Amino acid sequence: MEIEKIKGIIEAILFAAGRVVTINEFISALEINKDDVIAIIEKMRQEFEEQNRGIEIIKINDGYQMCTKKEYYEYIYPIFDKRNKPNLSNAALESLAIIAYNPGITRAEIEMVRGVNSDATIYKLLEYNLIEDAGKLDAPGRPTTYRTTENFLKMFGYSNLDELPELPKYRIDENQQIVIDDLIEKNNKKEETDIEQTNVEEIQDDNEKNIEAPEPERGNEVKDEE
């Protein structure tokens, strides 16, 4: 099958599906191997970008989806104004971050980290389809666990959770307070830089003080005529 025909089929599948289509589904439909599927789709993604198309193909875990570009949202939403854009509070974002970095976490564990009741925020995140039920924990009471959804990845522009920013290093001090080691290292480096800069300036000032002013050049003396 010609490459251009395969591209057309892939585009048609993505458009009609309106969801993430897995690589295995493409393999079954096109009857080509996994490496070829990935190579062709990645080529299509590059072409869409180069042609400045209004749509793009995004990678979500082990699959791909066609969607509109984020920068065109303000032009699209008036047409679909019945759809509510998620409006996340700081509390919801905080809970969402905890779940994203700790898939399979329970409500009680989330509340232990946050220190407050999280029923309302979890309900809101479930309503927006940003998190989902990840099953029951094998523990007394069998509490529900939560994880982020593919919709979370699409909203925040990640292909998978491995792309999440690395968390800063922290520790608990003797007062049971969280201490961010990365911030301490940065502050220490800044102090060292300031000290070095001060020393350099002091040395420059001392050198300037020790430099003797040059004597003015004497002009040729004019002898009085006798």
C-alpha atoms as a PDB file:
ATOM      1  CA  MET A   1       0.000   0.000   0.000  1.00  0.00           C
ATOM      2  CA  GLU A   2       1.326   3.455  -0.901  1.00  0.00           C
ATOM      3  CA  ILE A   3       2.444   5.740   1.921  1.00  0.00           C
ATOM      4  CA  GLU A   4       0.117   8.571   0.890  1.00  0.00           C
ATOM      5  CA  LYS A   5      -2.867   6.208   0.956  1.00  0.00           C
ATOM      6  CA  ILE A   6      -1.859   4.982   4.420  1.00  0.00           C
ATOM      7  CA  LYS A   7      -1.640   8.602   5.596  1.00  0.00           C
ATOM      8  CA  GLY A   8      -5.146   9.236   4.247  1.00  0.00           C
ATOM      9  CA  ILE A   9      -6.515   6.191   6.062  1.00  0.00           C
ATOM     10  CA  ILE A  10      -4.855   7.202   9.332  1.00  0.00           C
ATOM     11  CA  GLU A  11      -6.235  10.739   9.046  1.00  0.00           C
ATOM     12  CA  ALA A  12      -9.727   9.383   8.349  1.00  0.00           C
ATOM     13  CA  ILE A  13      -9.556   7.008  11.325  1.00  0.00           C
ATOM     14  CA  LEU A  14      -8.405   9.746  13.702  1.00  0.00           C
ATOM     15  CA  PHE A  15     -11.055  12.181  12.475  1.00  0.00           C
ATOM     16  CA  ALA A  16     -13.892   9.654  12.701  1.00  0.00           C
ATOM     17  CA  ALA A  17     -12.833   8.197  16.047  1.00  0.00           C
ATOM     18  CA  GLY A  18     -12.817  11.448  18.000  1.00  0.00           C
ATOM     19  CA  ARG A  19     -10.794   9.702  20.694  1.00  0.00           C
ATOM     20  CA  VAL A  20      -7.368   8.202  21.298  1.00  0.00           C
ATOM     21  CA  VAL A  21      -6.702   5.429  18.785  1.00  0.00           C
ATOM     22  CA  THR A  22      -4.152   2.909  19.992  1.00  0.00           C
ATOM     23  CA  ILE A  23      -1.218   1.733  17.902  1.00  0.00           C
ATOM     24  CA  ASN A  24      -2.594  -1.816  17.997  1.00  0.00           C
ATOM     25  CA  GLU A  25      -5.845  -0.566  16.419  1.00  0.00           C
ATOM     26  CA  PHE A  26      -3.854   1.026  13.579  1.00  0.00           C
ATOM     27  CA  ILE A  27      -1.868  -2.180  13.108  1.00  0.00           C
ATOM     28  CA  SER A  28      -5.096  -4.185  12.855  1.00  0.00           C
ATOM     29  CA  ALA A  29      -6.692  -1.754  10.363  1.00  0.00           C
ATOM     30  CA  LEU A  30      -3.627  -1.177   8.168  1.00  0.00           C
ATOM     31  CA  GLU A  31      -1.982  -4.599   8.503  1.00  0.00           C
ATOM     32  CA  ILE A  32       1.500  -3.100   8.822  1.00  0.00           C
ATOM     33  CA  ASN A  33       4.022  -3.408  11.645  1.00  0.00           C
ATOM     34  CA  LYS A  34       4.262  -1.169  14.706  1.00  0.00           C
ATOM     35  CA  ASP A  35       7.458   0.626  13.672  1.00  0.00           C
ATOM     36  CA  ASP A  36       5.942   1.620  10.307  1.00  0.00           C
ATOM     37  CA  VAL A  37       2.750   2.891  11.969  1.00  0.00           C
ATOM     38  CA  ILE A  38       4.704   5.069  14.396  1.00  0.00           C
ATOM     39  CA  ALA A  39       7.059   6.358  11.684  1.00  0.00           C
ATOM     40  CA  ILE A  40       4.176   7.353   9.374  1.00  0.00           C
ATOM     41  CA  ILE A  41       2.164   9.061  12.121  1.00  0.00           C
ATOM     42  CA  GLU A  42       5.204  10.964  13.378  1.00  0.00           C
ATOM     43  CA  LYS A  43       5.833  12.111   9.801  1.00  0.00           C
ATOM     44  CA  MET A  44       2.211  13.273   9.592  1.00  0.00           C
ATOM     45  CA  ARG A  45       2.583  15.205  12.857  1.00  0.00           C
ATOM     46  CA  GLN A  46       5.614  16.979  11.436  1.00  0.00           C
ATOM     47  CA  GLU A  47       3.800  17.801   8.188  1.00  0.00           C
ATOM     48  CA  PHE A  48       0.772  19.184  10.046  1.00  0.00           C
ATOM     49  CA  GLU A  49       3.085  21.479  11.994  1.00  0.00           C
ATOM     50  CA  GLU A  50       5.004  22.647   8.937  1.00  0.00           C
ATOM     51  CA  GLN A  51       1.768  23.378   7.052  1.00  0.00           C
ATOM     52  CA  ASN A  52       0.441  25.423  10.002  1.00  0.00           C
ATOM     53  CA  ARG A  53      -2.773  23.394  10.093  1.00  0.00           C
ATOM     54  CA  GLY A  54      -5.567  24.217  12.517  1.00  0.00           C
ATOM     55  CA  ILE A  55      -5.506  20.645  13.762  1.00  0.00           C
ATOM     56  CA  GLU A  56      -2.731  18.477  15.127  1.00  0.00           C
ATOM     57  CA  ILE A  57      -2.083  14.863  16.049  1.00  0.00           C
ATOM     58  CA  ILE A  58      -1.109  14.435  19.662  1.00  0.00           C
ATOM     59  CA  LYS A  59       0.424  11.376  21.321  1.00  0.00           C
ATOM     60  CA  ILE A  60      -1.327  10.050  24.419  1.00  0.00           C
ATOM     61  CA  ASN A  61       0.340   7.065  26.087  1.00  0.00           C
ATOM     62  CA  ASP A  62       0.261   4.231  23.503  1.00  0.00           C
ATOM     63  CA  GLY A  63      -1.980   5.968  21.004  1.00  0.00           C
ATOM     64  CA  TYR A  64      -2.755   9.118  19.009  1.00  0.00           C
ATOM     65  CA  GLN A  65      -5.649  11.557  18.709  1.00  0.00           C
ATOM     66  CA  MET A  66      -6.528  14.354  16.312  1.00  0.00           C
ATOM     67  CA  CYS A  67      -7.535  17.629  17.923  1.00  0.00           C
ATOM     68  CA  THR A  68      -7.597  21.366  17.318  1.00  0.00           C
ATOM     69  CA  LYS A  69      -4.622  23.493  18.316  1.00  0.00           C
ATOM     70  CA  LYS A  70      -4.789  25.250  21.670  1.00  0.00           C
ATOM     71  CA  GLU A  71      -4.055  28.659  20.170  1.00  0.00           C
ATOM     72  CA  TYR A  72      -7.352  28.555  18.246  1.00  0.00           C
ATOM     73  CA  TYR A  73      -9.512  27.891  21.323  1.00  0.00           C
ATOM     74  CA  GLU A  74     -10.810  31.474  21.549  1.00  0.00           C
ATOM     75  CA  TYR A  75     -12.170  31.178  17.994  1.00  0.00           C
ATOM     76  CA  ILE A  76     -13.733  27.754  18.558  1.00  0.00           C
ATOM     77  CA  TYR A  77     -15.469  28.115  21.928  1.00  0.00           C
ATOM     78  CA  PRO A  78     -18.116  30.642  20.740  1.00  0.00           C
ATOM     79  CA  ILE A  79     -19.369  27.937  18.352  1.00  0.00           C
ATOM     80  CA  PHE A  80     -19.518  25.374  21.150  1.00  0.00           C
ATOM     81  CA  ASP A  81     -20.398  27.710  24.018  1.00  0.00           C
ATOM     82  CA  LYS A  82     -22.539  25.048  25.697  1.00  0.00           C
ATOM     83  CA  ARG A  83     -19.399  23.196  26.671  1.00  0.00           C
ATOM     84  CA  ASN A  84     -18.025  24.312  30.019  1.00  0.00           C
ATOM     85  CA  LYS A  85     -14.320  24.915  30.219  1.00  0.00           C
ATOM     86  CA  PRO A  86     -12.918  23.439  33.458  1.00  0.00           C
ATOM     87  CA  ASN A  87     -12.414  26.180  36.012  1.00  0.00           C
ATOM     88  CA  LEU A  88     -10.004  24.732  38.558  1.00  0.00           C
ATOM     89  CA  SER A  89      -9.450  26.331  41.935  1.00  0.00           C
ATOM     90  CA  ASN A  90      -6.073  26.265  43.665  1.00  0.00           C
ATOM     91  CA  ALA A  91      -7.383  23.468  45.890  1.00  0.00           C
ATOM     92  CA  ALA A  92      -8.393  21.407  42.851  1.00  0.00           C
ATOM     93  CA  LEU A  93      -5.043  21.990  41.144  1.00  0.00           C
ATOM     94  CA  GLU A  94      -3.264  20.988  44.336  1.00  0.00           C
ATOM     95  CA  SER A  95      -5.248  17.740  44.592  1.00  0.00           C
ATOM     96  CA  LEU A  96      -4.772  17.073  40.886  1.00  0.00           C
ATOM     97  CA  ALA A  97      -0.998  17.449  41.209  1.00  0.00           C
ATOM     98  CA  ILE A  98      -0.927  15.043  44.164  1.00  0.00           C
ATOM     99  CA  ILE A  99      -2.842  12.427  42.165  1.00  0.00           C
ATOM    100  CA  ALA A 100      -0.727  12.943  39.036  1.00  0.00           C
ATOM    101  CA  TYR A 101       2.506  12.336  40.936  1.00  0.00           C
ATOM    102  CA  ASN A 102       1.000   9.500  42.995  1.00  0.00           C
ATOM    103  CA  PRO A 103      -1.233   7.331  40.781  1.00  0.00           C
ATOM    104  CA  GLY A 104      -3.349   4.940  42.817  1.00  0.00           C
ATOM    105  CA  ILE A 105      -3.607   7.264  45.825  1.00  0.00           C
ATOM    106  CA  THR A 106      -6.635   7.179  48.132  1.00  0.00           C
ATOM    107  CA  ARG A 107      -8.818  10.059  49.308  1.00  0.00           C
ATOM    108  CA  ALA A 108      -7.459   9.704  52.858  1.00  0.00           C
ATOM    109  CA  GLU A 109      -3.871   9.916  51.600  1.00  0.00           C
ATOM    110  CA  ILE A 110      -4.684  13.035  49.573  1.00  0.00           C
ATOM    111  CA  GLU A 111      -6.206  14.650  52.654  1.00  0.00           C
ATOM    112  CA  MET A 112      -3.163  13.642  54.714  1.00  0.00           C
ATOM    113  CA  VAL A 113      -0.910  15.519  52.277  1.00  0.00           C
ATOM    114  CA  ARG A 114      -3.170  18.570  51.998  1.00  0.00           C
ATOM    115  CA  GLY A 115      -4.260  18.654  55.631  1.00  0.00           C
ATOM    116  CA  VAL A 116      -7.900  19.433  54.738  1.00  0.00           C
ATOM    117  CA  ASN A 117     -11.008  17.623  53.542  1.00  0.00           C
ATOM    118  CA  SER A 118     -10.838  16.983  49.782  1.00  0.00           C
ATOM    119  CA  ASP A 119     -14.292  15.552  49.010  1.00  0.00           C
ATOM    120  CA  ALA A 120     -15.432  18.558  46.971  1.00  0.00           C
ATOM    121  CA  THR A 121     -12.230  18.872  44.935  1.00  0.00           C
ATOM    122  CA  ILE A 122     -12.132  15.163  44.100  1.00  0.00           C
ATOM    123  CA  TYR A 123     -15.783  15.285  43.013  1.00  0.00           C
ATOM    124  CA  LYS A 124     -15.033  18.273  40.777  1.00  0.00           C
ATOM    125  CA  LEU A 125     -11.999  16.557  39.209  1.00  0.00           C
ATOM    126  CA  LEU A 126     -14.113  13.454  38.525  1.00  0.00           C
ATOM    127  CA  GLU A 127     -16.816  15.662  36.971  1.00  0.00           C
ATOM    128  CA  TYR A 128     -14.264  17.244  34.623  1.00  0.00           C
ATOM    129  CA  ASN A 129     -12.899  13.788  33.751  1.00  0.00           C
ATOM    130  CA  LEU A 130      -9.405  14.756  34.866  1.00  0.00           C
ATOM    131  CA  ILE A 131      -9.181  11.833  37.309  1.00  0.00           C
ATOM    132  CA  GLU A 132     -10.844   8.427  37.446  1.00  0.00           C
ATOM    133  CA  ASP A 133     -11.426   5.464  39.727  1.00  0.00           C
ATOM    134  CA  ALA A 134      -8.297   3.286  39.690  1.00  0.00           C
ATOM    135  CA  GLY A 135      -9.812   0.416  41.657  1.00  0.00           C
ATOM    136  CA  LYS A 136     -10.006  -0.595  45.280  1.00  0.00           C
ATOM    137  CA  LEU A 137      -6.976  -0.706  47.565  1.00  0.00           C
ATOM    138  CA  ASP A 138      -6.313  -4.069  49.209  1.00  0.00           C
ATOM    139  CA  ALA A 139      -6.609  -2.634  52.713  1.00  0.00           C
ATOM    140  CA  PRO A 140      -9.215  -2.474  55.482  1.00  0.00           C
ATOM    141  CA  GLY A 141     -12.359  -0.819  54.148  1.00  0.00           C
ATOM    142  CA  ARG A 142     -11.061  -1.269  50.569  1.00  0.00           C
ATOM    143  CA  PRO A 143     -10.857   2.493  49.845  1.00  0.00           C
ATOM    144  CA  THR A 144     -11.120   3.796  46.265  1.00  0.00           C
ATOM    145  CA  THR A 145      -7.898   4.857  44.573  1.00  0.00           C
ATOM    146  CA  TYR A 146      -7.538   7.565  41.927  1.00  0.00           C
ATOM    147  CA  ARG A 147      -5.381   8.284  38.902  1.00  0.00           C
ATOM    148  CA  THR A 148      -5.324  10.908  36.165  1.00  0.00           C
ATOM    149  CA  THR A 149      -7.054  10.367  32.828  1.00  0.00           C
ATOM    150  CA  GLU A 150      -6.055  10.809  29.204  1.00  0.00           C
ATOM    151  CA  ASN A 151      -8.087  14.023  29.296  1.00  0.00           C
ATOM    152  CA  PHE A 152      -5.642  15.320  31.930  1.00  0.00           C
ATOM    153  CA  LEU A 153      -2.706  14.604  29.602  1.00  0.00           C
ATOM    154  CA  LYS A 154      -4.433  16.395  26.710  1.00  0.00           C
ATOM    155  CA  MET A 155      -5.380  19.419  28.799  1.00  0.00           C
ATOM    156  CA  PHE A 156      -1.851  19.938  30.136  1.00  0.00           C
ATOM    157  CA  GLY A 157      -0.017  18.934  26.951  1.00  0.00           C
ATOM    158  CA  TYR A 158       1.722  15.739  28.111  1.00  0.00           C
ATOM    159  CA  SER A 159       2.099  12.474  26.208  1.00  0.00           C
ATOM    160  CA  ASN A 160       2.427  10.486  29.437  1.00  0.00           C
ATOM    161  CA  LEU A 161       3.083  11.021  33.143  1.00  0.00           C
ATOM    162  CA  ASP A 162       6.827  10.530  32.639  1.00  0.00           C
ATOM    163  CA  GLU A 163       6.904  14.046  31.143  1.00  0.00           C
ATOM    164  CA  LEU A 164       5.746  15.686  34.382  1.00  0.00           C
ATOM    165  CA  PRO A 165       8.277  18.199  35.779  1.00  0.00           C
ATOM    166  CA  GLU A 166      10.641  16.761  38.353  1.00  0.00           C
ATOM    167  CA  LEU A 167       9.662  17.568  41.915  1.00  0.00           C
ATOM    168  CA  PRO A 168      12.174  19.503  44.052  1.00  0.00           C
ATOM    169  CA  LYS A 169      14.119  17.557  46.674  1.00  0.00           C
ATOM    170  CA  TYR A 170      12.776  18.081  50.161  1.00  0.00           C
ATOM    171  CA  ARG A 171      13.195  16.805  53.719  1.00  0.00           C
ATOM    172  CA  ILE A 172      11.510  17.169  57.103  1.00  0.00           C
ATOM    173  CA  ASP A 173      13.551  19.163  59.625  1.00  0.00           C
ATOM    174  CA  GLU A 174      13.648  18.758  63.425  1.00  0.00           C
ATOM    175  CA  ASN A 175      10.559  20.984  63.717  1.00  0.00           C
ATOM    176  CA  GLN A 176       8.602  18.711  61.353  1.00  0.00           C
ATOM    177  CA  GLN A 177       8.668  21.428  58.687  1.00  0.00           C
ATOM    178  CA  ILE A 178       9.248  20.751  55.009  1.00  0.00           C
ATOM    179  CA  VAL A 179      12.590  22.065  53.804  1.00  0.00           C
ATOM    180  CA  ILE A 180      13.171  22.371  50.040  1.00  0.00           C
ATOM    181  CA  ASP A 181      16.804  21.329  49.485  1.00  0.00           C
ATOM    182  CA  ASP A 182      16.851  22.735  45.931  1.00  0.00           C
ATOM    183  CA  LEU A 183      15.995  26.216  47.237  1.00  0.00           C
ATOM    184  CA  ILE A 184      18.704  25.985  49.883  1.00  0.00           C
ATOM    185  CA  GLU A 185      21.274  24.986  47.244  1.00  0.00           C
ATOM    186  CA  LYS A 186      20.240  27.899  45.021  1.00  0.00           C
ATOM    187  CA  ASN A 187      20.452  30.371  47.907  1.00  0.00           C
ATOM    188  CA  ASN A 188      23.868  29.042  48.926  1.00  0.00           C
ATOM    189  CA  LYS A 189      25.148  29.350  45.357  1.00  0.00           C
ATOM    190  CA  LYS A 190      23.791  32.909  45.154  1.00  0.00           C
ATOM    191  CA  GLU A 191      25.523  33.834  48.422  1.00  0.00           C
ATOM    192  CA  GLU A 192      28.800  32.325  47.184  1.00  0.00           C
ATOM    193  CA  THR A 193      28.484  34.272  43.929  1.00  0.00           C
ATOM    194  CA  ASP A 194      27.792  37.512  45.826  1.00  0.00           C
ATOM    195  CA  ILE A 195      30.818  36.938  48.087  1.00  0.00           C
ATOM    196  CA  GLU A 196      33.076  36.229  45.091  1.00  0.00           C
ATOM    197  CA  GLN A 197      31.822  39.365  43.338  1.00  0.00           C
ATOM    198  CA  THR A 198      32.448  41.446  46.477  1.00  0.00           C
ATOM    199  CA  ASN A 199      35.985  40.086  46.796  1.00  0.00           C
ATOM    200  CA  VAL A 200      36.720  40.884  43.166  1.00  0.00           C
ATOM    201  CA  GLU A 201      35.459  44.457  43.600  1.00  0.00           C
ATOM    202  CA  GLU A 202      37.559  44.929  46.762  1.00  0.00           C
ATOM    203  CA  ILE A 203      40.688  43.716  44.974  1.00  0.00           C
ATOM    204  CA  GLN A 204      40.002  46.073  42.073  1.00  0.00           C
ATOM    205  CA  ASP A 205      39.582  49.009  44.497  1.00  0.00           C
ATOM    206  CA  ASP A 206      42.880  48.180  46.262  1.00  0.00           C
ATOM    207  CA  ASN A 207      44.715  47.961  42.940  1.00  0.00           C
ATOM    208  CA  GLU A 208      43.364  51.336  41.873  1.00  0.00           C
ATOM    209  CA  LYS A 209      44.552  52.913  45.136  1.00  0.00           C
ATOM    210  CA  ASN A 210      48.083  51.499  44.748  1.00  0.00           C
ATOM    211  CA  ILE A 211      48.569  52.818  41.238  1.00  0.00           C
ATOM    212  CA  GLU A 212      50.753  55.963  41.340  1.00  0.00           C
ATOM    213  CA  ALA A 213      49.639  58.898  39.292  1.00  0.00           C
ATOM    214  CA  PRO A 214      52.013  59.523  36.365  1.00  0.00           C
ATOM    215  CA  GLU A 215      54.202  62.609  36.595  1.00  0.00           C
ATOM    216  CA  PRO A 216      53.337  65.336  34.084  1.00  0.00           C
ATOM    217  CA  GLU A 217      55.733  65.629  31.155  1.00  0.00           C
ATOM    218  CA  ARG A 218      58.153  68.543  31.445  1.00  0.00           C
ATOM    219  CA  GLY A 219      58.308  70.880  28.519  1.00  0.00           C
ATOM    220  CA  ASN A 220      61.595  72.089  27.030  1.00  0.00           C
ATOM    221  CA  GLU A 221      62.982  74.795  29.302  1.00  0.00           C
ATOM    222  CA  VAL A 222      63.454  78.180  27.616  1.00  0.00           C
ATOM    223  CA  LYS A 223      66.780  79.768  28.452  1.00  0.00           C
ATOM    224  CA  ASP A 224      66.813  83.498  29.031  1.00  0.00           C
ATOM    225  CA  GLU A 225      68.927  85.386  26.584  1.00  0.00           C
ATOM    226  CA  GLU A 226      71.854  87.028  28.232  1.00  0.00           C
END
